Protein backbone atom coordinates (compact mmCIF):
# COMPACT_ATOMS: atom_id res chain seq x y z
CA MET A 1 80.36 83.27 104.24
CA MET A 2 83.94 81.98 104.00
CA LEU A 3 83.36 80.93 100.39
CA ALA A 4 82.37 84.51 99.55
CA VAL A 5 85.51 85.83 101.27
CA GLU A 6 87.67 83.42 99.25
CA VAL A 7 85.95 84.35 95.97
CA ILE A 8 86.50 88.04 96.78
CA GLY A 9 90.17 87.37 97.49
CA TRP A 10 90.72 85.46 94.25
CA ALA A 11 88.85 88.09 92.23
CA ALA A 12 91.01 90.78 93.84
CA ALA A 13 94.18 88.87 92.96
CA LEU A 14 93.09 88.49 89.33
CA LEU A 15 92.14 92.16 89.08
CA ILE A 16 95.49 93.39 90.41
CA LEU A 17 97.41 90.92 88.25
CA ALA A 18 95.43 92.05 85.20
CA SER A 19 96.17 95.71 85.95
CA TYR A 20 99.89 94.93 86.25
CA LEU A 21 99.83 92.95 83.00
CA LEU A 22 98.06 95.79 81.18
CA VAL A 23 100.59 98.37 82.41
CA SER A 24 103.54 96.09 81.69
CA THR A 25 102.38 95.50 78.12
CA GLY A 26 101.67 99.18 77.50
CA LYS A 27 97.90 98.76 77.19
CA LEU A 28 97.34 101.07 80.19
CA SER A 29 99.33 103.82 81.80
CA GLY A 30 100.07 103.76 85.51
CA GLN A 31 98.55 107.24 85.58
CA SER A 32 95.24 106.13 84.05
CA ALA A 33 92.01 106.11 86.02
CA THR A 34 91.31 102.58 84.79
CA PHE A 35 94.57 101.27 86.25
CA GLN A 36 93.99 103.10 89.53
CA TRP A 37 90.40 101.83 89.86
CA MET A 38 91.50 98.27 89.17
CA ASN A 39 94.02 98.57 91.98
CA VAL A 40 91.64 100.27 94.42
CA VAL A 41 88.94 97.63 93.89
CA GLY A 42 91.52 94.83 94.03
CA ALA A 43 92.97 96.22 97.25
CA ALA A 44 89.47 96.46 98.75
CA GLY A 45 88.95 92.78 97.96
CA PHE A 46 92.26 91.91 99.59
CA ILE A 47 91.29 93.96 102.65
CA VAL A 48 88.13 91.87 103.01
CA ASN A 49 90.00 88.61 102.48
CA SER A 50 93.08 89.27 104.59
CA GLY A 51 91.07 90.97 107.33
CA SER A 52 88.79 87.97 107.63
CA HIS A 53 91.88 85.78 108.05
CA ALA A 54 93.40 88.18 110.60
CA ALA A 55 96.39 88.71 108.29
CA TRP A 56 97.02 92.21 109.61
CA PRO A 57 100.23 93.03 107.71
CA SER A 58 98.49 92.22 104.42
CA THR A 59 95.38 94.13 105.50
CA THR A 60 97.47 97.18 106.37
CA LEU A 61 99.42 96.99 103.11
CA ASN A 62 96.19 96.90 101.11
CA ILE A 63 94.67 99.80 103.03
CA ALA A 64 97.75 101.83 102.03
CA TRP A 65 97.54 100.48 98.45
CA ALA A 66 93.90 101.58 98.18
CA ALA A 67 94.65 104.97 99.73
CA ILE A 68 97.44 105.61 97.19
CA GLY A 69 95.06 104.73 94.37
CA LEU A 70 92.28 106.93 95.75
CA VAL A 71 94.63 109.91 96.14
CA THR A 72 95.85 109.38 92.58
CA LEU A 73 92.25 109.22 91.32
CA TRP A 74 91.49 112.43 93.21
CA ARG A 75 94.51 114.09 91.59
CA ILE A 76 93.42 112.85 88.14
CA GLY A 77 89.92 114.24 88.78
CA ARG A 78 91.33 117.61 89.79
CA GLY A 79 93.48 117.77 86.69
CA ARG A 80 96.78 117.45 88.57
CA ILE A 81 97.62 114.33 86.60
CA ALA A 82 96.74 114.25 82.94
CA PRO A 83 94.55 111.20 82.31
CA THR A 84 95.99 108.71 79.83
CA ARG A 85 94.80 105.45 78.32
């Protein structure tokens, strides 16, 4: 079980780093659904990993991170933010 938690944590880290790289190089917009989904899924992985290690500040941060992404996705879906790359 702990191996799975560690794999989830590393996958989450890679996903969030990749999303940051893509935004920083102009391949994605911070307002894109792709960027937001990468961050929401990455944050969910960090929630699993940090929660299993009782790292509550990190868990709380990633709950907020995921919530921000989900609200942004909701706004994109409702047309309040124009989807981009």
